Amino acid sequence: MAKVDVAEKITEILTGIVEPLGIGLVDIEYKREGRNMVLRVFLEKEAGIMLDDCADVSRQLSDILDVEDFMPEHYTLEVSSPGICRPLKKVADYQRFAGRLIKVKTFDVVLDDAGNKRKTFVGTLTGIENDMIAIHLTEGQHATIPLDKVAKANLEFEF
């Protein structure tokens, strides 16, 4: 049997499950925690994800994974909403959440418009264009960050 890209296969299966339910797939994580593997699925929908939504997707995904049997080792499945500090993964996420407070961590040092070298940016997302994220930083500067330099980005809780 050929080696299967677990994340890719799970994304494909999940898309078929969540789309008919009007639920969006935010992210999946498949990683080792301690001695065990954990498969985390993060979902969203306009009215908010409810416990029943998570249970329904979990049951359907679990049934399919049992039949398909491509997972390389035992895992724990967790299905939930991404929470208030939702990750930003796709261009559409940056478009949708323009005007919101975000935190971006980059792989490499990036300069803000004042010439400060930094790898962490916190501020108001002003938009994304040509794969460049524009942020008005909380300190007053602006920064433009290439999407391919983003290690992690998420919404920040606003008090």
N, C-alpha and C. Protein backbone atom coordinates (compact mmCIF):
# COMPACT_ATOMS: atom_id res chain seq x y z
N MET A 1 0.84 -1.18 0.00
CA MET A 1 0.00 0.00 0.00
C MET A 1 0.89 1.25 0.00
N ALA A 2 0.56 2.23 -0.83
CA ALA A 2 1.32 3.47 -0.91
C ALA A 2 1.12 4.29 0.36
N LYS A 3 2.17 5.06 0.69
CA LYS A 3 2.09 5.92 1.87
C LYS A 3 1.05 7.02 1.64
N VAL A 4 0.20 7.22 2.64
CA VAL A 4 -0.88 8.19 2.54
C VAL A 4 -0.51 9.45 3.32
N ASP A 5 -0.74 10.63 2.72
CA ASP A 5 -0.58 11.89 3.44
C ASP A 5 -1.82 12.02 4.32
N VAL A 6 -1.64 11.77 5.61
CA VAL A 6 -2.76 11.70 6.56
C VAL A 6 -3.57 12.99 6.56
N ALA A 7 -2.90 14.14 6.68
CA ALA A 7 -3.61 15.42 6.75
C ALA A 7 -4.41 15.68 5.48
N GLU A 8 -3.82 15.36 4.33
CA GLU A 8 -4.50 15.58 3.05
C GLU A 8 -5.73 14.68 2.93
N LYS A 9 -5.59 13.42 3.29
CA LYS A 9 -6.70 12.47 3.21
C LYS A 9 -7.82 12.86 4.18
N ILE A 10 -7.47 13.26 5.39
CA ILE A 10 -8.47 13.66 6.38
C ILE A 10 -9.20 14.93 5.92
N THR A 11 -8.46 15.88 5.35
CA THR A 11 -9.09 17.09 4.83
C THR A 11 -10.11 16.74 3.75
N GLU A 12 -9.74 15.83 2.87
CA GLU A 12 -10.64 15.39 1.80
C GLU A 12 -11.91 14.77 2.38
N ILE A 13 -11.76 13.90 3.36
CA ILE A 13 -12.91 13.24 3.99
C ILE A 13 -13.78 14.27 4.71
N LEU A 14 -13.14 15.15 5.48
CA LEU A 14 -13.88 16.15 6.25
C LEU A 14 -14.67 17.10 5.36
N THR A 15 -14.09 17.49 4.25
CA THR A 15 -14.79 18.39 3.33
C THR A 15 -16.12 17.78 2.92
N GLY A 16 -16.12 16.50 2.62
CA GLY A 16 -17.36 15.80 2.25
C GLY A 16 -18.37 15.71 3.39
N ILE A 17 -17.88 15.73 4.62
CA ILE A 17 -18.76 15.65 5.79
C ILE A 17 -19.33 17.03 6.14
N VAL A 18 -18.48 18.04 6.22
CA VAL A 18 -18.91 19.34 6.76
C VAL A 18 -19.67 20.23 5.77
N GLU A 19 -19.32 20.18 4.50
CA GLU A 19 -19.98 21.07 3.54
C GLU A 19 -21.50 20.91 3.52
N PRO A 20 -22.03 19.67 3.46
CA PRO A 20 -23.50 19.53 3.47
C PRO A 20 -24.16 20.03 4.77
N LEU A 21 -23.38 20.12 5.84
CA LEU A 21 -23.90 20.57 7.13
C LEU A 21 -23.78 22.09 7.30
N GLY A 22 -23.21 22.78 6.31
CA GLY A 22 -23.02 24.22 6.41
C GLY A 22 -21.94 24.60 7.41
N ILE A 23 -20.99 23.70 7.60
CA ILE A 23 -19.90 23.91 8.55
C ILE A 23 -18.60 24.10 7.77
N GLY A 24 -17.75 25.00 8.25
CA GLY A 24 -16.46 25.23 7.62
C GLY A 24 -15.35 24.53 8.38
N LEU A 25 -14.38 24.03 7.65
CA LEU A 25 -13.20 23.41 8.23
C LEU A 25 -12.14 24.49 8.41
N VAL A 26 -11.79 24.80 9.65
CA VAL A 26 -10.79 25.83 9.93
C VAL A 26 -9.39 25.25 9.84
N ASP A 27 -9.18 24.11 10.49
CA ASP A 27 -7.83 23.55 10.55
C ASP A 27 -7.90 22.12 11.06
N ILE A 28 -6.86 21.37 10.76
CA ILE A 28 -6.67 20.06 11.39
C ILE A 28 -5.24 19.99 11.89
N GLU A 29 -5.06 19.28 12.97
CA GLU A 29 -3.72 19.00 13.51
C GLU A 29 -3.62 17.50 13.68
N TYR A 30 -2.52 16.95 13.26
CA TYR A 30 -2.24 15.54 13.49
C TYR A 30 -0.83 15.49 14.01
N LYS A 31 -0.69 15.31 15.33
CA LYS A 31 0.65 15.38 15.89
C LYS A 31 0.77 14.51 17.14
N ARG A 32 2.01 14.25 17.47
CA ARG A 32 2.33 13.46 18.65
C ARG A 32 2.29 14.35 19.88
N GLU A 33 1.62 13.86 20.91
CA GLU A 33 1.61 14.52 22.21
C GLU A 33 1.93 13.46 23.24
N GLY A 34 3.12 13.56 23.79
CA GLY A 34 3.58 12.49 24.67
C GLY A 34 3.85 11.26 23.84
N ARG A 35 3.27 10.13 24.24
CA ARG A 35 3.45 8.88 23.49
C ARG A 35 2.32 8.62 22.51
N ASN A 36 1.31 9.50 22.50
CA ASN A 36 0.12 9.25 21.67
C ASN A 36 -0.02 10.27 20.55
N MET A 37 -0.69 9.86 19.49
CA MET A 37 -1.02 10.76 18.39
C MET A 37 -2.40 11.36 18.66
N VAL A 38 -2.54 12.64 18.30
CA VAL A 38 -3.82 13.33 18.47
C VAL A 38 -4.22 13.92 17.12
N LEU A 39 -5.47 13.67 16.75
CA LEU A 39 -6.05 14.26 15.55
C LEU A 39 -7.08 15.28 16.02
N ARG A 40 -6.77 16.57 15.81
CA ARG A 40 -7.68 17.64 16.21
C ARG A 40 -8.30 18.26 14.97
N VAL A 41 -9.60 18.46 15.04
CA VAL A 41 -10.34 19.06 13.94
C VAL A 41 -11.03 20.31 14.49
N PHE A 42 -10.82 21.44 13.82
CA PHE A 42 -11.43 22.70 14.25
C PHE A 42 -12.45 23.14 13.21
N LEU A 43 -13.67 23.39 13.68
CA LEU A 43 -14.80 23.70 12.80
C LEU A 43 -15.39 25.06 13.14
N GLU A 44 -16.09 25.66 12.15
CA GLU A 44 -16.82 26.89 12.40
C GLU A 44 -18.06 26.94 11.53
N LYS A 45 -19.02 27.72 11.97
CA LYS A 45 -20.16 28.07 11.13
C LYS A 45 -20.68 29.41 11.61
N GLU A 46 -21.43 30.06 10.75
CA GLU A 46 -21.85 31.43 11.00
C GLU A 46 -22.57 31.59 12.34
N ALA A 47 -23.47 30.69 12.66
CA ALA A 47 -24.24 30.79 13.91
C ALA A 47 -23.45 30.28 15.11
N GLY A 48 -22.25 29.79 14.87
CA GLY A 48 -21.43 29.24 15.95
C GLY A 48 -21.53 27.72 16.00
N ILE A 49 -20.44 27.09 16.34
CA ILE A 49 -20.40 25.63 16.44
C ILE A 49 -20.98 25.21 17.78
N MET A 50 -21.87 24.25 17.71
CA MET A 50 -22.51 23.72 18.92
C MET A 50 -21.94 22.33 19.21
N LEU A 51 -22.16 21.85 20.40
CA LEU A 51 -21.69 20.53 20.80
C LEU A 51 -22.24 19.44 19.87
N ASP A 52 -23.51 19.56 19.48
CA ASP A 52 -24.11 18.58 18.57
C ASP A 52 -23.41 18.55 17.22
N ASP A 53 -22.96 19.72 16.73
CA ASP A 53 -22.21 19.77 15.46
C ASP A 53 -20.92 18.97 15.59
N CYS A 54 -20.20 19.21 16.69
CA CYS A 54 -18.93 18.51 16.92
C CYS A 54 -19.16 17.01 17.04
N ALA A 55 -20.20 16.62 17.78
CA ALA A 55 -20.50 15.19 17.96
C ALA A 55 -20.86 14.54 16.63
N ASP A 56 -21.66 15.23 15.81
CA ASP A 56 -22.07 14.68 14.52
C ASP A 56 -20.87 14.48 13.60
N VAL A 57 -20.02 15.49 13.49
CA VAL A 57 -18.82 15.39 12.64
C VAL A 57 -17.88 14.32 13.19
N SER A 58 -17.71 14.28 14.49
CA SER A 58 -16.83 13.28 15.12
C SER A 58 -17.31 11.86 14.81
N ARG A 59 -18.61 11.62 14.94
CA ARG A 59 -19.16 10.28 14.65
C ARG A 59 -18.94 9.90 13.19
N GLN A 60 -19.28 10.82 12.29
CA GLN A 60 -19.13 10.52 10.86
C GLN A 60 -17.67 10.29 10.49
N LEU A 61 -16.78 11.15 10.97
CA LEU A 61 -15.36 11.01 10.66
C LEU A 61 -14.81 9.72 11.24
N SER A 62 -15.18 9.42 12.46
CA SER A 62 -14.71 8.20 13.13
C SER A 62 -15.14 6.95 12.35
N ASP A 63 -16.40 6.94 11.91
CA ASP A 63 -16.90 5.79 11.14
C ASP A 63 -16.11 5.61 9.84
N ILE A 64 -15.86 6.70 9.15
CA ILE A 64 -15.12 6.62 7.88
C ILE A 64 -13.67 6.20 8.13
N LEU A 65 -13.05 6.76 9.15
CA LEU A 65 -11.66 6.39 9.45
C LEU A 65 -11.55 4.92 9.84
N ASP A 66 -12.55 4.39 10.53
CA ASP A 66 -12.55 2.96 10.88
C ASP A 66 -12.61 2.09 9.63
N VAL A 67 -13.41 2.50 8.66
CA VAL A 67 -13.56 1.72 7.42
C VAL A 67 -12.33 1.87 6.53
N GLU A 68 -11.88 3.11 6.33
CA GLU A 68 -10.74 3.39 5.45
C GLU A 68 -9.44 2.81 5.99
N ASP A 69 -9.26 2.84 7.31
CA ASP A 69 -8.12 2.22 7.99
C ASP A 69 -6.76 2.60 7.40
N PHE A 70 -6.53 3.90 7.20
CA PHE A 70 -5.23 4.34 6.66
C PHE A 70 -4.35 5.03 7.70
N MET A 71 -4.88 5.22 8.91
CA MET A 71 -4.09 5.90 9.94
C MET A 71 -2.94 4.99 10.35
N PRO A 72 -1.71 5.53 10.37
CA PRO A 72 -0.54 4.69 10.62
C PRO A 72 -0.43 4.16 12.06
N GLU A 73 -1.09 4.83 13.01
CA GLU A 73 -1.04 4.35 14.39
C GLU A 73 -2.27 4.82 15.16
N HIS A 74 -2.43 4.32 16.36
CA HIS A 74 -3.56 4.67 17.20
C HIS A 74 -3.55 6.18 17.47
N TYR A 75 -4.72 6.79 17.56
CA TYR A 75 -4.83 8.23 17.75
C TYR A 75 -6.06 8.54 18.60
N THR A 76 -6.08 9.75 19.14
CA THR A 76 -7.24 10.28 19.84
C THR A 76 -7.84 11.37 18.94
N LEU A 77 -9.15 11.31 18.72
CA LEU A 77 -9.84 12.28 17.89
C LEU A 77 -10.51 13.33 18.77
N GLU A 78 -10.25 14.61 18.46
CA GLU A 78 -10.89 15.73 19.14
C GLU A 78 -11.48 16.66 18.09
N VAL A 79 -12.76 17.01 18.24
CA VAL A 79 -13.44 17.91 17.31
C VAL A 79 -13.99 19.08 18.11
N SER A 80 -13.67 20.32 17.70
CA SER A 80 -14.13 21.49 18.45
C SER A 80 -14.14 22.73 17.57
N SER A 81 -14.56 23.84 18.17
CA SER A 81 -14.45 25.14 17.50
C SER A 81 -13.02 25.64 17.73
N PRO A 82 -12.55 26.60 16.95
CA PRO A 82 -11.18 27.09 17.14
C PRO A 82 -11.05 28.04 18.33
N GLY A 83 -12.15 28.48 18.91
CA GLY A 83 -12.09 29.38 20.06
C GLY A 83 -11.94 30.83 19.65
N ILE A 84 -11.82 31.71 20.63
CA ILE A 84 -11.78 33.14 20.33
C ILE A 84 -10.45 33.59 19.71
N CYS A 85 -9.42 32.83 19.90
CA CYS A 85 -8.12 33.15 19.28
C CYS A 85 -7.90 32.28 18.05
N ARG A 86 -8.91 32.27 17.19
CA ARG A 86 -8.97 31.44 16.00
C ARG A 86 -7.73 31.64 15.13
N PRO A 87 -7.16 30.54 14.62
CA PRO A 87 -6.02 30.68 13.71
C PRO A 87 -6.47 31.23 12.35
N LEU A 88 -5.57 31.93 11.71
CA LEU A 88 -5.78 32.44 10.35
C LEU A 88 -4.89 31.61 9.44
N LYS A 89 -5.49 30.88 8.53
CA LYS A 89 -4.74 29.96 7.69
C LYS A 89 -4.78 30.31 6.20
N LYS A 90 -5.93 30.75 5.73
CA LYS A 90 -6.14 30.96 4.30
C LYS A 90 -6.26 32.45 3.99
N VAL A 91 -6.06 32.80 2.72
CA VAL A 91 -6.22 34.18 2.29
C VAL A 91 -7.62 34.67 2.66
N ALA A 92 -8.62 33.82 2.50
CA ALA A 92 -10.01 34.19 2.83
C ALA A 92 -10.15 34.56 4.30
N ASP A 93 -9.37 33.95 5.19
CA ASP A 93 -9.42 34.29 6.62
C ASP A 93 -8.95 35.73 6.82
N TYR A 94 -7.88 36.12 6.15
CA TYR A 94 -7.35 37.47 6.29
C TYR A 94 -8.31 38.50 5.71
N GLN A 95 -9.01 38.14 4.65
CA GLN A 95 -10.01 39.04 4.07
C GLN A 95 -11.21 39.17 5.02
N ARG A 96 -11.67 38.07 5.52
CA ARG A 96 -12.85 38.03 6.39
C ARG A 96 -12.65 38.79 7.70
N PHE A 97 -11.45 38.71 8.26
CA PHE A 97 -11.22 39.30 9.59
C PHE A 97 -10.49 40.64 9.55
N ALA A 98 -10.51 41.31 8.39
CA ALA A 98 -9.95 42.67 8.31
C ALA A 98 -10.66 43.54 9.34
N GLY A 99 -9.87 44.38 10.02
CA GLY A 99 -10.42 45.25 11.05
C GLY A 99 -10.33 44.66 12.45
N ARG A 100 -9.91 43.41 12.54
CA ARG A 100 -9.81 42.74 13.85
C ARG A 100 -8.36 42.72 14.33
N LEU A 101 -8.20 42.59 15.64
CA LEU A 101 -6.89 42.51 16.26
C LEU A 101 -6.31 41.11 16.01
N ILE A 102 -5.08 41.05 15.52
CA ILE A 102 -4.43 39.77 15.25
C ILE A 102 -3.01 39.76 15.80
N LYS A 103 -2.46 38.55 15.89
CA LYS A 103 -1.06 38.36 16.26
C LYS A 103 -0.45 37.46 15.19
N VAL A 104 0.68 37.88 14.67
CA VAL A 104 1.38 37.13 13.63
C VAL A 104 2.80 36.86 14.10
N LYS A 105 3.23 35.61 13.99
CA LYS A 105 4.62 35.24 14.24
C LYS A 105 5.20 34.77 12.91
N THR A 106 6.42 35.25 12.61
CA THR A 106 7.04 34.91 11.33
C THR A 106 8.21 33.95 11.52
N PHE A 107 8.54 33.26 10.45
CA PHE A 107 9.70 32.36 10.47
C PHE A 107 11.00 33.15 10.56
N ASP A 108 11.04 34.25 9.81
CA ASP A 108 12.24 35.08 9.72
C ASP A 108 11.93 36.50 10.20
N VAL A 109 12.95 37.25 10.45
CA VAL A 109 12.79 38.65 10.84
C VAL A 109 12.19 39.43 9.67
N VAL A 110 11.23 40.29 9.98
CA VAL A 110 10.59 41.17 8.99
C VAL A 110 10.67 42.58 9.56
N LEU A 111 10.88 43.57 8.70
CA LEU A 111 10.95 44.96 9.14
C LEU A 111 9.56 45.60 9.11
N ASP A 112 9.26 46.40 10.15
CA ASP A 112 8.04 47.21 10.08
C ASP A 112 8.40 48.50 9.34
N ASP A 113 7.43 49.40 9.15
CA ASP A 113 7.71 50.60 8.35
C ASP A 113 8.65 51.59 9.03
N ALA A 114 8.94 51.38 10.32
CA ALA A 114 9.90 52.24 11.04
C ALA A 114 11.30 51.62 11.02
N GLY A 115 11.44 50.45 10.37
CA GLY A 115 12.75 49.81 10.28
C GLY A 115 13.08 48.89 11.43
N ASN A 116 12.11 48.64 12.32
CA ASN A 116 12.34 47.73 13.45
C ASN A 116 12.29 46.29 12.99
N LYS A 117 13.29 45.50 13.39
CA LYS A 117 13.32 44.08 13.06
C LYS A 117 12.47 43.34 14.09
N ARG A 118 11.59 42.48 13.61
CA ARG A 118 10.75 41.73 14.54
C ARG A 118 10.25 40.44 13.91
N LYS A 119 9.84 39.52 14.79
CA LYS A 119 9.24 38.26 14.36
C LYS A 119 7.82 38.11 14.90
N THR A 120 7.40 39.04 15.77
CA THR A 120 6.06 39.01 16.32
C THR A 120 5.40 40.36 16.07
N PHE A 121 4.19 40.31 15.53
CA PHE A 121 3.44 41.51 15.18
C PHE A 121 2.05 41.42 15.80
N VAL A 122 1.64 42.45 16.51
CA VAL A 122 0.29 42.51 17.07
C VAL A 122 -0.32 43.83 16.64
N GLY A 123 -1.51 43.75 16.06
CA GLY A 123 -2.18 44.97 15.61
C GLY A 123 -3.45 44.66 14.86
N THR A 124 -4.02 45.69 14.28
CA THR A 124 -5.27 45.56 13.53
C THR A 124 -4.96 45.15 12.10
N LEU A 125 -5.56 44.07 11.69
CA LEU A 125 -5.42 43.59 10.31
C LEU A 125 -6.13 44.57 9.39
N THR A 126 -5.40 45.16 8.47
CA THR A 126 -6.04 46.10 7.55
C THR A 126 -6.37 45.46 6.21
N GLY A 127 -5.81 44.28 5.96
CA GLY A 127 -6.17 43.57 4.74
C GLY A 127 -5.05 42.67 4.24
N ILE A 128 -5.32 42.08 3.08
CA ILE A 128 -4.32 41.26 2.41
C ILE A 128 -4.46 41.49 0.91
N GLU A 129 -3.31 41.68 0.26
CA GLU A 129 -3.31 41.88 -1.18
C GLU A 129 -2.03 41.29 -1.74
N ASN A 130 -2.15 40.53 -2.81
CA ASN A 130 -0.99 39.88 -3.44
C ASN A 130 -0.17 39.09 -2.43
N ASP A 131 -0.86 38.35 -1.56
CA ASP A 131 -0.24 37.52 -0.52
C ASP A 131 0.63 38.32 0.44
N MET A 132 0.29 39.59 0.66
CA MET A 132 0.97 40.45 1.63
C MET A 132 -0.06 40.90 2.66
N ILE A 133 0.20 40.57 3.93
CA ILE A 133 -0.70 40.92 5.02
C ILE A 133 -0.33 42.32 5.51
N ALA A 134 -1.32 43.19 5.62
CA ALA A 134 -1.09 44.56 6.10
C ALA A 134 -1.67 44.69 7.51
N ILE A 135 -0.83 45.21 8.43
CA ILE A 135 -1.23 45.35 9.84
C ILE A 135 -0.86 46.74 10.34
N HIS A 136 -1.82 47.37 11.04
CA HIS A 136 -1.53 48.60 11.77
C HIS A 136 -1.18 48.15 13.18
N LEU A 137 0.09 48.24 13.54
CA LEU A 137 0.59 47.71 14.81
C LEU A 137 0.09 48.53 16.00
N THR A 138 -0.03 47.87 17.14
CA THR A 138 -0.52 48.54 18.35
C THR A 138 0.40 49.67 18.78
N GLU A 139 1.69 49.61 18.41
CA GLU A 139 2.64 50.67 18.76
C GLU A 139 2.55 51.86 17.82
N GLY A 140 1.74 51.76 16.77
CA GLY A 140 1.55 52.86 15.84
C GLY A 140 2.16 52.67 14.46
N GLN A 141 3.15 51.79 14.34
CA GLN A 141 3.75 51.55 13.03
C GLN A 141 2.81 50.69 12.17
N HIS A 142 3.23 50.52 10.93
CA HIS A 142 2.55 49.61 10.02
C HIS A 142 3.55 48.52 9.62
N ALA A 143 3.02 47.38 9.23
CA ALA A 143 3.87 46.30 8.73
C ALA A 143 3.16 45.59 7.59
N THR A 144 3.95 45.17 6.64
CA THR A 144 3.46 44.36 5.54
C THR A 144 4.26 43.06 5.57
N ILE A 145 3.55 41.95 5.73
CA ILE A 145 4.21 40.66 5.94
C ILE A 145 3.85 39.72 4.80
N PRO A 146 4.86 39.17 4.14
CA PRO A 146 4.57 38.17 3.10
C PRO A 146 3.92 36.92 3.73
N LEU A 147 2.87 36.45 3.11
CA LEU A 147 2.14 35.30 3.63
C LEU A 147 3.03 34.08 3.81
N ASP A 148 4.00 33.90 2.93
CA ASP A 148 4.88 32.73 3.03
C ASP A 148 5.88 32.83 4.18
N LYS A 149 5.96 33.97 4.84
CA LYS A 149 6.84 34.13 6.01
C LYS A 149 6.08 33.91 7.32
N VAL A 150 4.76 33.70 7.25
CA VAL A 150 3.94 33.55 8.46
C VAL A 150 4.09 32.13 9.01
N ALA A 151 4.59 32.05 10.24
CA ALA A 151 4.68 30.77 10.94
C ALA A 151 3.35 30.45 11.62
N LYS A 152 2.73 31.49 12.18
CA LYS A 152 1.47 31.32 12.90
C LYS A 152 0.78 32.67 12.96
N ALA A 153 -0.54 32.66 12.74
CA ALA A 153 -1.33 33.88 12.87
C ALA A 153 -2.66 33.52 13.49
N ASN A 154 -3.15 34.39 14.36
CA ASN A 154 -4.44 34.14 14.97
C ASN A 154 -5.09 35.45 15.42
N LEU A 155 -6.41 35.38 15.61
CA LEU A 155 -7.14 36.51 16.17
C LEU A 155 -6.70 36.65 17.62
N GLU A 156 -6.72 37.85 18.12
CA GLU A 156 -6.41 38.11 19.52
C GLU A 156 -7.70 38.57 20.19
N PHE A 157 -7.83 38.22 21.45
CA PHE A 157 -8.99 38.64 22.23
C PHE A 157 -8.88 40.12 22.52
N GLU A 158 -9.96 40.86 22.22
CA GLU A 158 -9.97 42.30 22.49
C GLU A 158 -10.76 42.58 23.75
N PHE A 159 -10.15 43.31 24.69
CA PHE A 159 -10.82 43.62 25.95
C PHE A 159 -11.75 44.79 25.80
